[in-house]
């Protein structure tokens, strides 16, 4: 079993962090709450900016969301009722509606102009246009987190997978010999076309494995069906199919080793 399989087997699921954030000792709960905001905060901010199109309003609702977390609102979340991300989306929907209602009331009390500066209150049909907004924000956050992890891997191992993959994405039309020459110059060492192809292939595999890892963090059970459904909803399934196969192969090998030990 390779390092990716070992790392996946030790993943602390997001649901375990949710439980700790609401039912654990005070210090542990505070740390777990901070962990949840690290995981979801950037995606939530992106979503609120897209839904409200007002940085000040987005910041206000984000603060309300953070306060709700500290007060234990997410203690009612139940993994048997769906993904934590879906619970977050529902919570944000209600916070947005409440925020718009308050702005409308303030406009009335202040005898505002006939045209409400807060705009009409969004109903389910209007917010349906933002149906995929949180998914997109969360997908962007996952990808951003993967790039950071790949960068850390390069720093720790010395293998330029991050640099190679970034360079390939920035220069999609370069042929392998040109890519090898330019990337080699950037890295300060000669590279052959064949070596670059192998390096980029490995970098893509590592990125997909890391993506699978961070997706598993957000699920109650990191089963293949659960992971495939989540990846499909986030439009990442095609990219991660090979990583899923490697994960399943690693699990089969692990089971085989355990059977051999018992025998």
Protein backbone atom coordinates (compact mmCIF):
# COMPACT_ATOMS: atom_id res chain seq x y z
CA UNK A 1 0.00 0.00 0.00
CA UNK A 2 1.51 3.37 -1.00
CA UNK A 3 1.68 6.63 0.96
CA UNK A 4 -1.59 7.94 -0.50
CA UNK A 5 -3.53 4.86 0.67
CA UNK A 6 -1.99 5.09 4.12
CA UNK A 7 -2.86 8.77 4.34
CA UNK A 8 -6.44 8.14 3.23
CA UNK A 9 -6.88 5.44 5.86
CA UNK A 10 -5.97 7.95 8.58
CA UNK A 11 -8.23 10.76 7.41
CA UNK A 12 -10.22 12.47 10.13
CA UNK A 13 -13.65 12.95 8.59
CA UNK A 14 -15.34 16.32 8.75
CA UNK A 15 -18.23 14.79 10.69
CA UNK A 16 -15.89 13.80 13.50
CA UNK A 17 -14.73 17.44 13.65
CA UNK A 18 -18.38 18.57 13.74
CA UNK A 19 -19.08 16.31 16.72
CA UNK A 20 -15.98 17.55 18.53
CA UNK A 21 -16.96 21.16 17.85
CA UNK A 22 -20.23 20.76 19.74
CA UNK A 23 -19.83 17.90 22.21
CA UNK A 24 -16.19 17.86 23.20
CA UNK A 25 -14.34 19.71 26.00
CA UNK A 26 -14.29 23.49 25.61
CA UNK A 27 -10.72 23.77 24.32
CA UNK A 28 -11.19 20.86 21.94
CA UNK A 29 -14.49 22.31 20.74
CA UNK A 30 -12.85 25.66 20.05
CA UNK A 31 -10.09 23.99 18.05
CA UNK A 32 -12.64 21.94 16.11
CA UNK A 33 -14.69 25.06 15.34
CA UNK A 34 -11.56 26.74 14.03
CA UNK A 35 -10.87 23.66 11.92
CA UNK A 36 -14.36 23.81 10.40
CA UNK A 37 -13.91 27.47 9.50
CA UNK A 38 -10.52 26.71 7.93
CA UNK A 39 -12.18 24.02 5.82
CA UNK A 40 -15.31 25.88 4.82
CA UNK A 41 -14.56 29.56 5.42
CA UNK A 42 -12.99 30.40 2.02
CA UNK A 43 -15.72 28.53 0.10
CA UNK A 44 -18.46 30.21 2.16
CA UNK A 45 -17.01 33.66 1.46
CA UNK A 46 -16.92 32.94 -2.27
CA UNK A 47 -20.51 31.70 -2.18
CA UNK A 48 -21.81 34.71 -0.22
CA UNK A 49 -20.06 37.18 -2.53
CA UNK A 50 -21.65 35.47 -5.51
CA UNK A 51 -25.11 35.29 -3.92
CA UNK A 52 -25.23 38.80 -2.42
CA UNK A 53 -22.90 40.65 -4.83
CA UNK A 54 -22.02 43.01 -1.99
CA UNK A 55 -18.76 42.57 -0.02
CA UNK A 56 -20.15 44.29 3.09
CA UNK A 57 -23.31 42.17 3.08
CA UNK A 58 -21.27 39.02 2.44
CA UNK A 59 -19.00 39.85 5.36
CA UNK A 60 -21.98 40.48 7.64
CA UNK A 61 -23.62 37.15 6.80
CA UNK A 62 -20.27 35.38 7.13
CA UNK A 63 -19.93 36.75 10.66
CA UNK A 64 -23.45 35.54 11.45
CA UNK A 65 -22.52 32.10 10.16
CA UNK A 66 -19.38 32.06 12.34
CA UNK A 67 -21.38 33.13 15.38
CA UNK A 68 -23.95 30.39 14.72
CA UNK A 69 -21.15 27.85 14.67
CA UNK A 70 -19.74 29.07 18.00
CA UNK A 71 -23.21 28.98 19.56
CA UNK A 72 -23.65 25.36 18.58
CA UNK A 73 -26.11 25.64 15.71
CA UNK A 74 -24.38 22.87 13.79
CA UNK A 75 -24.87 20.46 16.67
CA UNK A 76 -28.18 19.55 15.03
CA UNK A 77 -26.45 18.39 11.85
CA UNK A 78 -27.03 14.68 11.28
CA UNK A 79 -24.82 12.72 8.86
CA UNK A 80 -27.73 10.35 8.17
CA UNK A 81 -29.59 13.27 6.56
CA UNK A 82 -26.98 14.06 3.94
CA UNK A 83 -23.64 15.73 3.42
CA UNK A 84 -22.38 18.43 5.75
CA UNK A 85 -21.93 20.68 2.72
CA UNK A 86 -25.68 20.44 2.06
CA UNK A 87 -26.38 21.41 5.66
CA UNK A 88 -24.06 24.41 5.27
CA UNK A 89 -25.83 25.47 2.08
CA UNK A 90 -29.24 25.33 3.76
CA UNK A 91 -27.95 27.33 6.73
CA UNK A 92 -26.50 30.00 4.44
CA UNK A 93 -29.74 30.19 2.46
CA UNK A 94 -31.69 31.04 5.61
CA UNK A 95 -29.05 33.54 6.76
CA UNK A 96 -29.23 35.30 3.38
CA UNK A 97 -33.04 35.51 3.57
CA UNK A 98 -32.90 36.85 7.12
CA UNK A 99 -30.29 39.41 6.13
CA UNK A 100 -32.40 40.69 3.23
CA UNK A 101 -35.50 40.91 5.41
CA UNK A 102 -33.63 42.99 7.95
CA UNK A 103 -32.42 45.37 5.26
CA UNK A 104 -35.95 45.76 3.95
CA UNK A 105 -37.26 46.53 7.42
CA UNK A 106 -34.51 49.09 7.99
CA UNK A 107 -35.38 50.77 4.71
CA UNK A 108 -39.04 51.03 5.74
CA UNK A 109 -38.25 52.42 9.20
CA UNK A 110 -35.91 55.00 7.69
CA UNK A 111 -38.57 56.08 5.19
CA UNK A 112 -36.37 55.17 2.29
CA UNK A 113 -37.17 56.00 -1.30
CA UNK A 114 -39.83 54.00 -3.09
CA UNK A 115 -37.12 51.88 -4.68
CA UNK A 116 -35.74 49.69 -1.93
CA UNK A 117 -31.94 50.08 -1.88
CA UNK A 118 -31.68 46.56 -0.53
CA UNK A 119 -33.47 45.23 -3.58
CA UNK A 120 -36.37 42.77 -3.50
CA UNK A 121 -36.19 39.87 -1.15
CA UNK A 122 -34.87 36.81 -2.87
CA UNK A 123 -37.20 33.87 -2.93
CA UNK A 124 -36.47 30.21 -3.57
CA UNK A 125 -36.82 30.68 -7.31
CA UNK A 126 -34.30 33.52 -7.39
CA UNK A 127 -31.78 31.76 -5.20
CA UNK A 128 -32.20 28.69 -7.36
CA UNK A 129 -29.97 30.57 -9.80
CA UNK A 130 -27.27 30.17 -7.17
CA UNK A 131 -27.97 26.44 -6.87
CA UNK A 132 -24.46 25.52 -7.93
CA UNK A 133 -22.74 28.52 -6.35
CA UNK A 134 -21.63 26.78 -3.18
CA UNK A 135 -20.61 23.69 -5.14
CA UNK A 136 -18.43 25.86 -7.38
CA UNK A 137 -17.01 27.76 -4.41
CA UNK A 138 -16.28 24.52 -2.60
CA UNK A 139 -14.75 22.98 -5.73
CA UNK A 140 -12.49 26.01 -6.13
CA UNK A 141 -11.47 25.75 -2.50
CA UNK A 142 -10.69 22.04 -2.83
CA UNK A 143 -8.53 22.71 -5.88
CA UNK A 144 -6.78 25.58 -4.11
CA UNK A 145 -6.09 23.33 -1.13
CA UNK A 146 -4.72 20.63 -3.43
CA UNK A 147 -2.32 23.06 -5.06
CA UNK A 148 -1.09 24.08 -1.62
CA UNK A 149 -0.61 20.44 -0.63
CA UNK A 150 1.25 19.69 -3.87
CA UNK A 151 3.48 22.69 -3.24
CA UNK A 152 4.23 21.38 0.26
CA UNK A 153 5.04 17.96 -1.19
CA UNK A 154 7.53 19.57 -3.59
CA UNK A 155 9.17 21.51 -0.78
CA UNK A 156 9.47 18.41 1.41
CA UNK A 157 10.52 15.90 -1.24
CA UNK A 158 12.42 18.08 -3.66
CA UNK A 159 10.51 16.58 -6.58
CA UNK A 160 9.23 19.45 -8.79
CA UNK A 161 5.73 18.06 -9.39
CA UNK A 162 4.03 21.32 -8.41
CA UNK A 163 6.29 23.40 -10.65
CA UNK A 164 5.92 21.02 -13.58
CA UNK A 165 2.13 20.86 -13.41
CA UNK A 166 1.77 24.61 -13.01
CA UNK A 167 4.10 25.18 -15.95
CA UNK A 168 2.19 22.72 -18.14
CA UNK A 169 -1.12 24.42 -17.35
CA UNK A 170 0.38 27.81 -18.16
CA UNK A 171 1.77 26.50 -21.47
CA UNK A 172 -0.74 23.94 -22.78
CA UNK A 173 0.41 24.21 -26.40
CA UNK A 174 4.10 23.49 -25.90
CA UNK A 175 5.40 20.23 -27.31
CA UNK A 176 7.41 17.99 -24.99
CA UNK A 177 10.90 19.05 -26.23
CA UNK A 178 10.02 22.75 -25.86
CA UNK A 179 8.43 22.10 -22.50
CA UNK A 180 11.53 20.24 -21.32
CA UNK A 181 13.84 23.05 -22.40
CA UNK A 182 11.80 25.84 -20.80
CA UNK A 183 10.90 23.99 -17.61
CA UNK A 184 14.49 22.81 -17.27
CA UNK A 185 15.68 26.41 -17.53
CA UNK A 186 13.19 27.43 -14.86
CA UNK A 187 14.27 24.63 -12.53
CA UNK A 188 17.94 25.12 -13.28
CA UNK A 189 18.61 21.59 -14.49
CA UNK A 190 18.48 19.83 -17.88
CA UNK A 191 15.37 17.76 -18.65
CA UNK A 192 14.60 15.45 -21.53
CA UNK A 193 11.21 15.32 -23.21
CA UNK A 194 10.65 11.83 -21.82
CA UNK A 195 11.55 12.89 -18.29
CA UNK A 196 9.10 15.80 -18.48
CA UNK A 197 6.28 13.53 -19.64
CA UNK A 198 6.90 11.19 -16.72
CA UNK A 199 7.14 14.09 -14.27
CA UNK A 200 3.87 15.68 -15.40
CA UNK A 201 2.09 12.32 -15.41
CA UNK A 202 3.21 11.72 -11.82
CA UNK A 203 2.24 15.26 -10.84
CA UNK A 204 -1.28 14.74 -12.19
CA UNK A 205 -1.57 11.48 -10.27
CA UNK A 206 -0.45 13.16 -7.06
CA UNK A 207 -2.88 16.02 -7.56
CA UNK A 208 -5.78 13.60 -8.11
CA UNK A 209 -4.79 11.60 -5.02
CA UNK A 210 -4.68 14.77 -2.94
CA UNK A 211 -8.05 15.85 -4.32
CA UNK A 212 -9.52 12.51 -3.34
CA UNK A 213 -8.04 12.94 0.12
CA UNK A 214 -9.59 16.35 0.78
CA UNK A 215 -12.96 15.21 -0.57
CA UNK A 216 -12.92 12.23 1.80
CA UNK A 217 -12.39 14.63 4.69
CA UNK A 218 -15.85 16.09 4.14
CA UNK A 219 -17.75 12.79 4.07
CA UNK A 220 -19.13 10.65 6.87
CA UNK A 221 -18.07 7.45 5.16
CA UNK A 222 -15.33 7.46 2.56
CA UNK A 223 -16.88 4.61 0.58
CA UNK A 224 -16.52 4.47 -3.18
CA UNK A 225 -20.21 5.24 -3.76
CA UNK A 226 -20.12 8.23 -1.40
CA UNK A 227 -16.93 9.60 -2.92
CA UNK A 228 -18.12 9.12 -6.50
CA UNK A 229 -21.39 10.91 -5.78
CA UNK A 230 -19.60 13.82 -4.15
CA UNK A 231 -17.07 14.09 -6.96
CA UNK A 232 -19.86 13.90 -9.53
CA UNK A 233 -21.77 16.75 -7.85
CA UNK A 234 -18.59 18.82 -7.85
CA UNK A 235 -17.80 17.94 -11.50
CA UNK A 236 -14.51 16.35 -10.49
CA UNK A 237 -15.27 12.68 -11.04
CA UNK A 238 -13.58 12.30 -14.43
CA UNK A 239 -10.36 13.81 -13.11
CA UNK A 240 -10.30 11.50 -10.08
CA UNK A 241 -11.26 8.17 -11.66
CA UNK A 242 -7.67 6.94 -11.77
CA UNK A 243 -7.13 7.99 -8.15
CA UNK A 244 -10.24 6.06 -7.14
CA UNK A 245 -8.93 2.97 -8.90
CA UNK A 246 -5.56 3.30 -7.16
CA UNK A 247 -7.35 3.67 -3.84
CA UNK A 248 -9.49 0.58 -4.44
CA UNK A 249 -6.46 -1.40 -5.55
CA UNK A 250 -4.63 -0.37 -2.39
CA UNK A 251 -7.57 -1.49 -0.25
CA UNK A 252 -7.68 -4.86 -2.00
CA UNK A 253 -3.96 -5.31 -1.42
CA UNK A 254 -4.37 -4.38 2.23
CA UNK A 255 -7.16 -6.95 2.66
CA UNK A 256 -5.02 -9.57 0.95
CA UNK A 257 -2.09 -8.84 3.27
CA UNK A 258 -4.35 -9.14 6.32
CA UNK A 259 -5.69 -12.48 5.09
CA UNK A 260 -2.14 -13.67 4.52
CA UNK A 261 -1.12 -12.69 8.06
CA UNK A 262 -4.10 -14.56 9.56
CA UNK A 263 -3.29 -17.62 7.51
